[in-house]
C-alpha cells in the first residue's frame, strides 16, 4: 500500500504524537480557573473582573477561529501544531511573572490562542487515521490526552500551591511544553487525508461526509447548537467551582484546586471508554446518555452534602470526557472531507464562545442570586441540550 500511513505502526505513532502533544497544549488551559480565588485575594479582583480573565481570552479565540479555519487545510499541520505548543510554553512563562490584572490577562489570551491553533489540524489527522467504524475510539484516545493535560495542571497547582506558590506551578511545566514540540520532527509530512486514497482505489467506502448536502449541514448545525447550550451551563458552574467550594463548602484553596483537577482526571477514563461505547451504541445515543448523566450529577451536587458533591463532581468529569470522541466523530460524519479542518475550527467555536459568555452570565447570576443558583441554571440548559440532540439525523449506512 502506498501513502504516508501505509502501516499500522505509522497509525499508532501518529496517534501517539497527536495525543501526547494534546496533553502538553492543555496543561495551562484551566489552571487560571482553579486560581480564581487566589487571584481575587492577591490582585484585589472583583467577581466580575475574575470572570473577565476566563472570558476575554476565549473572545480572542472566537475572532481568530474563522479566519484561521479558512487556511488551516492548506498549511502543513506539523507547523501549526508546533506553533501552538511554543506559544503555550512561552505564555505560561510570561504568566508566572504577572504583577497585575493586565499582565495576567495578556498571557492568558495567548494560551487560549494556542489551543485554537492546535485543534483543527490534529483533529483532522486523527479523524482520518482509522476507518469510520473505529473513528470514535481514536478520537476518544486523542481526547483523553487533552483531558489529561487539563487535569494535570490544576493537580500540580494543588500540590505546590501551599509550599511554592502558584507561579511555580506554571514554571515547572514551561520547558516540558516547549520540548514537546520536538515530537513533530518525527511526524511524517501530511499533505492529503491518509485513508482517502485507499478508499478511492478500492471503492470499499463511500461515506456521506464525502457528499456535501443539506442533511450534512443540518446535522452539523444541530450538533453545534446542542453543544453550545450544554456548554453555557457546564462552563458557568466550572468557572466558579473552586470559588464555590471555598466560600460555600469550606474547602481550602489547595484542596479546592485538587478537586477541580481530579474531575478532568476522571474524564481521562471517560474519553477512553466513551470512544468505545460510542462505537458500540452510536455517537448520538452515547452523547444523549452522557448529557443525561451530567444533568443528574449537577442535580446531586446542588442538593447533596459535601461528600456527595465531590463524588458527583468527579462523575461529571467522566460524563463530560466521554463526549469528546463521539462529538468529534459526528463532526467528521457531518462535514465534507476536503474542508475537514474548517469544520473542526468551527466545531471548536462553541467551546470558545460559550466559554467567553458563560463567566459573564455566571457572574451576574451570582451577583443577583448567590453562587448556588448556578446549578439550577446549568440543569435547565442540560435538559434543553438533550432535547436538541434528538434532532440529529440518523447515520447513513456505509459499507466498510
Protein backbone atom coordinates (compact mmCIF):
# COMPACT_ATOMS: atom_id res chain seq x y z
CA UNK A 1 0.00 0.00 0.00
CA UNK A 2 1.33 3.42 -0.97
CA UNK A 3 0.88 6.59 1.07
CA UNK A 4 2.10 8.19 4.22
CA UNK A 5 0.20 5.97 6.62
CA UNK A 6 0.73 2.58 4.98
CA UNK A 7 1.39 0.60 8.16
CA UNK A 8 -0.34 0.03 11.44
CA UNK A 9 2.81 1.19 13.19
CA UNK A 10 2.57 4.51 11.39
CA UNK A 11 -1.04 4.89 12.54
CA UNK A 12 -0.14 4.22 16.16
CA UNK A 13 2.84 6.57 16.12
CA UNK A 14 0.80 9.39 14.59
CA UNK A 15 -1.98 8.85 17.15
CA UNK A 16 0.62 8.84 19.96
CA UNK A 17 2.17 12.12 18.79
CA UNK A 18 -1.22 13.79 18.45
CA UNK A 19 -2.27 12.51 21.89
CA UNK A 20 0.91 13.44 23.78
CA UNK A 21 1.00 16.92 22.28
CA UNK A 22 -2.66 17.25 23.26
CA UNK A 23 -1.56 16.69 26.85
CA UNK A 24 1.03 19.46 26.75
CA UNK A 25 -1.03 22.07 24.90
CA UNK A 26 -3.70 21.84 27.63
CA UNK A 27 -1.52 21.95 30.75
CA UNK A 28 -2.14 25.67 31.23
CA UNK A 29 -5.69 25.78 29.84
CA UNK A 30 -7.65 25.70 33.10
CA UNK A 31 -5.08 26.43 35.78
CA UNK A 32 -6.19 30.06 35.97
CA UNK A 33 -9.79 28.94 36.55
CA UNK A 34 -8.68 26.99 39.62
CA UNK A 35 -6.73 30.08 40.72
CA UNK A 36 -9.66 32.50 40.65
CA UNK A 37 -9.96 32.66 44.48
CA UNK A 38 -6.17 33.21 44.71
CA UNK A 39 -6.16 35.93 42.04
CA UNK A 40 -9.08 37.69 43.72
CA UNK A 41 -7.15 37.80 47.00
CA UNK A 42 -3.67 38.58 45.61
CA UNK A 43 -4.63 41.16 42.97
CA UNK A 44 -7.79 42.55 44.58
CA UNK A 45 -10.07 41.46 41.72
CA UNK A 46 -13.85 41.64 41.86
CA UNK A 47 -16.00 38.65 40.93
CA UNK A 48 -16.71 40.36 37.58
CA UNK A 49 -13.01 41.02 36.85
CA UNK A 50 -12.17 37.41 37.66
CA UNK A 51 -14.83 36.36 35.17
CA UNK A 52 -13.17 38.52 32.52
CA UNK A 53 -9.95 36.54 32.98
CA UNK A 54 -11.90 33.50 31.83
CA UNK A 55 -13.99 35.14 29.10
CA UNK A 56 -11.73 37.64 27.29
CA UNK A 57 -9.12 35.04 26.18
CA UNK A 58 -11.92 32.98 24.68
CA UNK A 59 -13.37 36.02 22.90
CA UNK A 60 -9.99 36.34 21.16
CA UNK A 61 -10.23 32.69 20.11
CA UNK A 62 -13.66 33.30 18.61
CA UNK A 63 -12.44 36.19 16.46
CA UNK A 64 -9.34 34.28 15.31
CA UNK A 65 -11.11 30.99 14.61
CA UNK A 66 -12.92 31.71 11.34
CA UNK A 67 -10.02 33.46 9.55
CA UNK A 68 -7.74 30.68 10.77
CA UNK A 69 -10.14 27.99 9.58
CA UNK A 70 -10.05 29.33 6.03
CA UNK A 71 -6.37 28.43 5.58
CA UNK A 72 -5.78 25.63 8.09
CA UNK A 73 -6.48 22.98 5.41
CA UNK A 74 -3.76 24.50 3.19
CA UNK A 75 -0.87 24.56 5.72
CA UNK A 76 1.35 21.69 6.88
CA UNK A 77 -0.35 20.65 10.15
CA UNK A 78 3.02 19.94 11.78
CA UNK A 79 3.87 23.65 11.62
CA UNK A 80 0.55 24.65 13.14
CA UNK A 81 0.88 22.12 15.98
CA UNK A 82 4.47 23.18 16.73
CA UNK A 83 3.47 26.87 16.74
CA UNK A 84 0.67 26.18 19.22
CA UNK A 85 3.00 24.34 21.62
CA UNK A 86 5.65 27.08 21.51
CA UNK A 87 3.01 29.76 22.05
CA UNK A 88 1.59 27.88 25.04
CA UNK A 89 5.01 27.36 26.65
CA UNK A 90 6.18 30.97 26.37
CA UNK A 91 2.78 32.26 27.51
CA UNK A 92 2.98 30.10 30.63
CA UNK A 93 6.40 31.58 31.35
CA UNK A 94 5.04 35.13 30.96
CA UNK A 95 2.05 34.37 33.18
CA UNK A 96 4.32 33.24 36.01
CA UNK A 97 5.75 36.80 36.10
CA UNK A 98 2.37 38.59 36.24
CA UNK A 99 2.04 41.57 38.58
CA UNK A 100 -1.48 42.93 37.89
CA UNK A 101 -4.73 42.28 36.02
CA UNK A 102 -3.38 43.17 32.59
CA UNK A 103 -0.18 41.11 32.89
CA UNK A 104 -2.41 38.21 33.90
CA UNK A 105 -4.80 38.75 31.02
CA UNK A 106 -2.33 39.03 28.12
CA UNK A 107 -0.61 35.63 28.60
CA UNK A 108 -4.00 34.01 29.20
CA UNK A 109 -5.14 35.33 25.83
CA UNK A 110 -2.17 33.67 24.10
CA UNK A 111 -2.70 30.41 25.99
CA UNK A 112 -6.25 30.36 24.66
CA UNK A 113 -4.97 31.18 21.18
CA UNK A 114 -2.54 28.25 21.32
CA UNK A 115 -5.47 25.89 21.83
CA UNK A 116 -7.29 27.45 18.86
CA UNK A 117 -4.26 26.85 16.64
CA UNK A 118 -3.81 23.29 17.83
CA UNK A 119 -7.15 21.52 17.47
CA UNK A 120 -8.20 21.75 13.78
CA UNK A 121 -5.04 20.15 12.33
CA UNK A 122 -4.77 17.40 14.94
CA UNK A 123 -8.46 16.51 14.88
CA UNK A 124 -8.32 16.32 11.09
CA UNK A 125 -5.34 13.95 11.26
CA UNK A 126 -6.87 11.69 13.92
CA UNK A 127 -10.29 11.56 12.25
CA UNK A 128 -8.63 10.09 9.14
CA UNK A 129 -6.33 7.55 10.78
CA UNK A 130 -8.82 4.69 11.07
CA UNK A 131 -11.99 3.59 9.24
CA UNK A 132 -15.17 5.40 10.31
CA UNK A 133 -16.29 2.37 12.35
CA UNK A 134 -13.25 2.91 14.62
CA UNK A 135 -13.15 6.70 14.49
CA UNK A 136 -14.76 7.21 17.92
CA UNK A 137 -12.09 5.25 19.74
CA UNK A 138 -9.20 7.06 18.00
CA UNK A 139 -10.74 10.44 18.78
CA UNK A 140 -11.50 9.25 22.32
CA UNK A 141 -7.85 8.36 22.88
CA UNK A 142 -6.81 11.74 21.49
CA UNK A 143 -9.38 13.45 23.71
CA UNK A 144 -8.00 11.60 26.74
CA UNK A 145 -4.68 13.31 26.09
CA UNK A 146 -6.27 16.75 26.30
CA UNK A 147 -8.23 15.77 29.38
CA UNK A 148 -5.01 14.57 30.99
CA UNK A 149 -3.40 17.96 30.41
CA UNK A 150 -6.45 19.77 31.77
CA UNK A 151 -6.27 17.58 34.90
CA UNK A 152 -2.50 17.67 35.44
CA UNK A 153 -2.35 21.46 35.55
CA UNK A 154 -4.75 22.04 38.49
CA UNK A 155 -3.50 18.91 40.29
CA UNK A 156 0.07 20.26 40.08
CA UNK A 157 -1.27 23.54 41.37
CA UNK A 158 -2.96 21.87 44.32
CA UNK A 159 0.26 20.05 45.24
CA UNK A 160 2.64 23.03 45.09
CA UNK A 161 0.35 25.96 45.94
CA UNK A 162 0.77 25.84 49.70
CA UNK A 163 4.56 25.38 49.62
CA UNK A 164 5.93 27.07 46.50
CA UNK A 165 3.08 29.32 45.37
CA UNK A 166 1.01 29.39 42.20
CA UNK A 167 3.76 30.79 39.97
CA UNK A 168 5.89 27.69 40.43
CA UNK A 169 3.04 25.53 39.09
CA UNK A 170 3.42 27.31 35.74
CA UNK A 171 7.22 27.37 35.73
CA UNK A 172 7.55 23.63 36.36
CA UNK A 173 5.76 22.85 33.07
CA UNK A 174 7.18 25.54 30.77
CA UNK A 175 10.12 23.55 29.44
CA UNK A 176 8.23 20.23 29.03
CA UNK A 177 5.62 22.09 26.96
CA UNK A 178 8.28 23.73 24.78
CA UNK A 179 10.23 20.47 24.33
CA UNK A 180 7.09 18.54 23.36
CA UNK A 181 7.22 20.34 20.00
CA UNK A 182 10.19 18.08 19.15
CA UNK A 183 7.76 15.19 18.67
CA UNK A 184 6.66 16.91 15.48
CA UNK A 185 10.09 16.22 13.94
CA UNK A 186 9.21 12.51 13.77
CA UNK A 187 5.71 13.01 12.42
CA UNK A 188 5.50 12.27 8.67
CA UNK A 189 4.62 15.15 6.36
CA UNK A 190 0.87 15.17 5.86
CA UNK A 191 -0.49 16.64 2.65
CA UNK A 192 -3.58 14.53 1.94
CA UNK A 193 -6.13 12.70 4.07
CA UNK A 194 -4.31 9.44 4.90
CA UNK A 195 -7.12 6.97 4.22
CA UNK A 196 -8.73 8.77 1.30
CA UNK A 197 -6.51 7.33 -1.42
CA UNK A 198 -7.03 3.77 -0.27
CA UNK A 199 -10.80 4.16 -0.12
CA UNK A 200 -10.99 5.72 -3.57
CA UNK A 201 -8.84 2.98 -5.09
CA UNK A 202 -10.70 0.09 -3.50
CA UNK A 203 -14.17 1.61 -3.63
CA UNK A 204 -14.71 -0.02 -0.21
CA UNK A 205 -16.23 3.02 1.45
CA UNK A 206 -18.22 5.98 0.24
CA UNK A 207 -19.05 7.78 3.48
CA UNK A 208 -21.61 10.50 3.36
CA UNK A 209 -19.12 13.08 4.55
CA UNK A 210 -17.69 12.97 1.01
CA UNK A 211 -21.04 14.12 -0.34
CA UNK A 212 -21.98 17.64 0.84
CA UNK A 213 -25.73 18.07 1.26
CA UNK A 214 -28.39 19.91 3.21
CA UNK A 215 -28.63 16.90 5.55
CA UNK A 216 -24.93 17.26 6.39
CA UNK A 217 -25.26 20.96 7.12
CA UNK A 218 -28.41 20.41 9.18
CA UNK A 219 -26.78 17.70 11.30
CA UNK A 220 -23.67 19.81 11.80
CA UNK A 221 -25.68 22.86 12.93
CA UNK A 222 -27.84 20.81 15.32
CA UNK A 223 -24.72 19.33 16.90
CA UNK A 224 -23.14 22.75 17.40
CA UNK A 225 -26.33 24.19 18.92
CA UNK A 226 -26.73 21.26 21.35
CA UNK A 227 -23.10 21.55 22.45
CA UNK A 228 -23.37 25.33 22.82
CA UNK A 229 -26.45 25.21 25.03
CA UNK A 230 -24.95 22.48 27.19
CA UNK A 231 -21.65 24.36 27.34
CA UNK A 232 -23.15 27.56 28.74
CA UNK A 233 -24.45 25.76 31.82
CA UNK A 234 -21.47 23.48 32.30
CA UNK A 235 -18.87 26.23 31.97
CA UNK A 236 -20.84 28.57 34.23
CA UNK A 237 -20.55 26.02 37.03
CA UNK A 238 -16.97 25.06 36.18
CA UNK A 239 -15.67 28.66 36.16
CA UNK A 240 -16.71 29.30 39.75
CA UNK A 241 -16.47 25.76 41.14
CA UNK A 242 -13.32 26.45 43.18
CA UNK A 243 -14.83 29.69 44.48
CA UNK A 244 -17.99 27.75 45.42
CA UNK A 245 -16.01 25.02 47.20
CA UNK A 246 -14.02 27.61 49.15
CA UNK A 247 -16.79 30.08 50.01
CA UNK A 248 -19.83 27.79 50.45
CA UNK A 249 -18.37 24.39 51.26
CA UNK A 250 -15.41 25.37 53.44
CA UNK A 251 -12.57 23.75 51.47
CA UNK A 252 -9.10 25.28 51.45
CA UNK A 253 -7.85 26.78 48.20
CA UNK A 254 -5.34 23.93 47.74
CA UNK A 255 -7.99 21.26 48.33
CA UNK A 256 -10.45 23.01 46.00
CA UNK A 257 -7.79 23.06 43.27
CA UNK A 258 -7.14 19.34 43.75
CA UNK A 259 -10.84 18.54 43.48
CA UNK A 260 -11.10 20.76 40.40
CA UNK A 261 -8.19 18.90 38.80
CA UNK A 262 -9.43 15.44 39.72
CA UNK A 263 -12.65 15.90 37.76
CA UNK A 264 -10.96 16.09 34.32
CA UNK A 265 -8.54 13.39 35.55
CA UNK A 266 -11.57 11.10 35.83
CA UNK A 267 -12.51 12.47 32.43
CA UNK A 268 -9.50 10.62 31.01
CA UNK A 269 -11.32 7.38 31.69
CA UNK A 270 -14.42 8.94 30.18
CA UNK A 271 -12.58 9.89 26.99
CA UNK A 272 -11.11 6.41 26.57
CA UNK A 273 -14.26 4.42 27.37
CA UNK A 274 -16.60 6.93 25.70
CA UNK A 275 -14.97 6.33 22.33
CA UNK A 276 -15.53 2.59 22.56
CA UNK A 277 -19.07 2.98 23.94
CA UNK A 278 -19.95 5.39 21.13
CA UNK A 279 -18.60 2.91 18.55
CA UNK A 280 -20.85 0.26 20.10
CA UNK A 281 -24.04 2.22 20.82
CA UNK A 282 -23.70 5.04 18.29
CA UNK A 283 -22.38 8.57 18.73
CA UNK A 284 -25.76 10.29 19.10
CA UNK A 285 -27.07 7.76 21.58
CA UNK A 286 -23.99 7.87 23.79
CA UNK A 287 -23.89 11.68 23.78
CA UNK A 288 -27.52 11.66 24.96
CA UNK A 289 -26.64 9.26 27.79
CA UNK A 290 -23.62 11.39 28.78
CA UNK A 291 -25.62 14.64 28.78
CA UNK A 292 -28.29 12.99 30.93
CA UNK A 293 -25.60 11.73 33.30
CA UNK A 294 -24.18 15.25 33.58
CA UNK A 295 -27.65 16.62 34.33
CA UNK A 296 -28.13 14.13 37.16
CA UNK A 297 -24.71 14.85 38.65
CA UNK A 298 -25.45 18.60 38.64
CA UNK A 299 -28.71 17.95 40.46
CA UNK A 300 -26.89 15.81 43.02
CA UNK A 301 -24.21 18.45 43.59
CA UNK A 302 -26.87 21.08 44.14
CA UNK A 303 -28.97 19.07 46.57
CA UNK A 304 -26.49 16.77 48.30
CA UNK A 305 -23.97 17.09 51.16
CA UNK A 306 -20.26 17.87 50.66
CA UNK A 307 -19.05 14.28 50.32
CA UNK A 308 -21.63 13.52 47.63
CA UNK A 309 -20.84 16.79 45.88
CA UNK A 310 -17.20 15.83 45.43
CA UNK A 311 -18.08 12.31 44.30
CA UNK A 312 -20.68 13.57 41.84
CA UNK A 313 -18.36 16.29 40.55
CA UNK A 314 -15.87 13.56 39.69
CA UNK A 315 -18.64 11.57 37.96
CA UNK A 316 -19.49 14.70 35.99
CA UNK A 317 -15.89 14.74 34.79
CA UNK A 318 -16.37 11.21 33.46
CA UNK A 319 -19.51 12.06 31.51
CA UNK A 320 -18.01 15.26 30.16
CA UNK A 321 -14.89 13.48 28.95
CA UNK A 322 -16.90 10.67 27.37
CA UNK A 323 -18.47 13.05 24.81
CA UNK A 324 -15.15 14.02 23.21
CA UNK A 325 -14.87 11.02 20.92
CA UNK A 326 -18.49 10.93 19.69
CA UNK A 327 -18.82 14.68 19.24
CA UNK A 328 -15.57 14.83 17.22
CA UNK A 329 -16.68 11.81 15.21
CA UNK A 330 -20.04 13.43 14.41
CA UNK A 331 -18.20 16.45 13.03
CA UNK A 332 -16.36 14.15 10.63
CA UNK A 333 -19.64 12.48 9.70
CA UNK A 334 -21.39 15.79 9.01
CA UNK A 335 -18.60 17.61 7.15
CA UNK A 336 -17.03 17.33 3.68
CA UNK A 337 -13.60 15.73 3.89
CA UNK A 338 -11.84 18.40 1.84
CA UNK A 339 -12.97 21.07 4.34
CA UNK A 340 -12.48 18.99 7.49
CA UNK A 341 -10.01 21.46 9.02
CA UNK A 342 -12.53 24.31 8.66
CA UNK A 343 -15.27 22.08 10.08
CA UNK A 344 -13.18 21.36 13.18
CA UNK A 345 -12.28 25.03 13.54
CA UNK A 346 -15.98 25.92 13.65
CA UNK A 347 -16.58 22.91 15.92
CA UNK A 348 -14.23 24.48 18.49
CA UNK A 349 -16.11 27.80 18.36
CA UNK A 350 -18.85 26.77 20.84
CA UNK A 351 -16.17 25.94 23.42
CA UNK A 352 -14.59 29.36 22.98
CA UNK A 353 -17.80 31.34 22.51
CA UNK A 354 -19.66 29.73 25.39
CA UNK A 355 -16.53 29.88 27.49
CA UNK A 356 -16.40 33.62 26.83
CA UNK A 357 -20.08 34.22 27.54
CA UNK A 358 -20.58 31.83 30.46
CA UNK A 359 -18.33 33.53 33.06
CA UNK A 360 -20.05 36.87 32.47
CA UNK A 361 -23.52 35.29 32.72
CA UNK A 362 -22.43 33.33 35.80
CA UNK A 363 -21.03 36.45 37.47
CA UNK A 364 -24.35 38.26 37.00
CA UNK A 365 -26.30 35.27 38.35
CA UNK A 366 -24.02 35.19 41.41
CA UNK A 367 -24.48 38.93 41.99
CA UNK A 368 -28.28 38.57 41.80
CA UNK A 369 -28.98 35.16 43.36
CA UNK A 370 -25.79 33.89 45.08
CA UNK A 371 -23.36 31.32 43.71
CA UNK A 372 -25.51 28.20 44.31
CA UNK A 373 -28.04 29.49 41.74
CA UNK A 374 -25.61 28.38 39.02
CA UNK A 375 -26.69 24.75 39.48
CA UNK A 376 -30.41 25.00 38.55
CA UNK A 377 -29.35 27.27 35.67
CA UNK A 378 -26.98 24.60 34.34
CA UNK A 379 -29.50 21.80 34.93
CA UNK A 380 -32.18 23.51 32.84
CA UNK A 381 -29.76 24.10 29.95
CA UNK A 382 -28.59 20.47 30.08
CA UNK A 383 -32.20 19.35 29.62
CA UNK A 384 -32.65 21.66 26.64
CA UNK A 385 -29.44 20.37 25.05
CA UNK A 386 -30.64 16.76 25.37
CA UNK A 387 -33.84 17.64 23.52
CA UNK A 388 -31.91 19.44 20.77
CA UNK A 389 -29.59 16.45 20.37
CA UNK A 390 -32.57 14.27 19.42
CA UNK A 391 -32.94 16.34 16.23
CA UNK A 392 -29.71 14.91 14.81
CA UNK A 393 -30.42 12.90 11.63
CA UNK A 394 -29.79 9.18 11.68
CA UNK A 395 -26.46 7.97 10.38
CA UNK A 396 -26.45 6.79 6.79
CA UNK A 397 -25.35 3.20 6.30
CA UNK A 398 -21.97 2.71 4.71
CA UNK A 399 -20.07 -0.37 3.66
CA UNK A 400 -16.84 -0.86 5.50
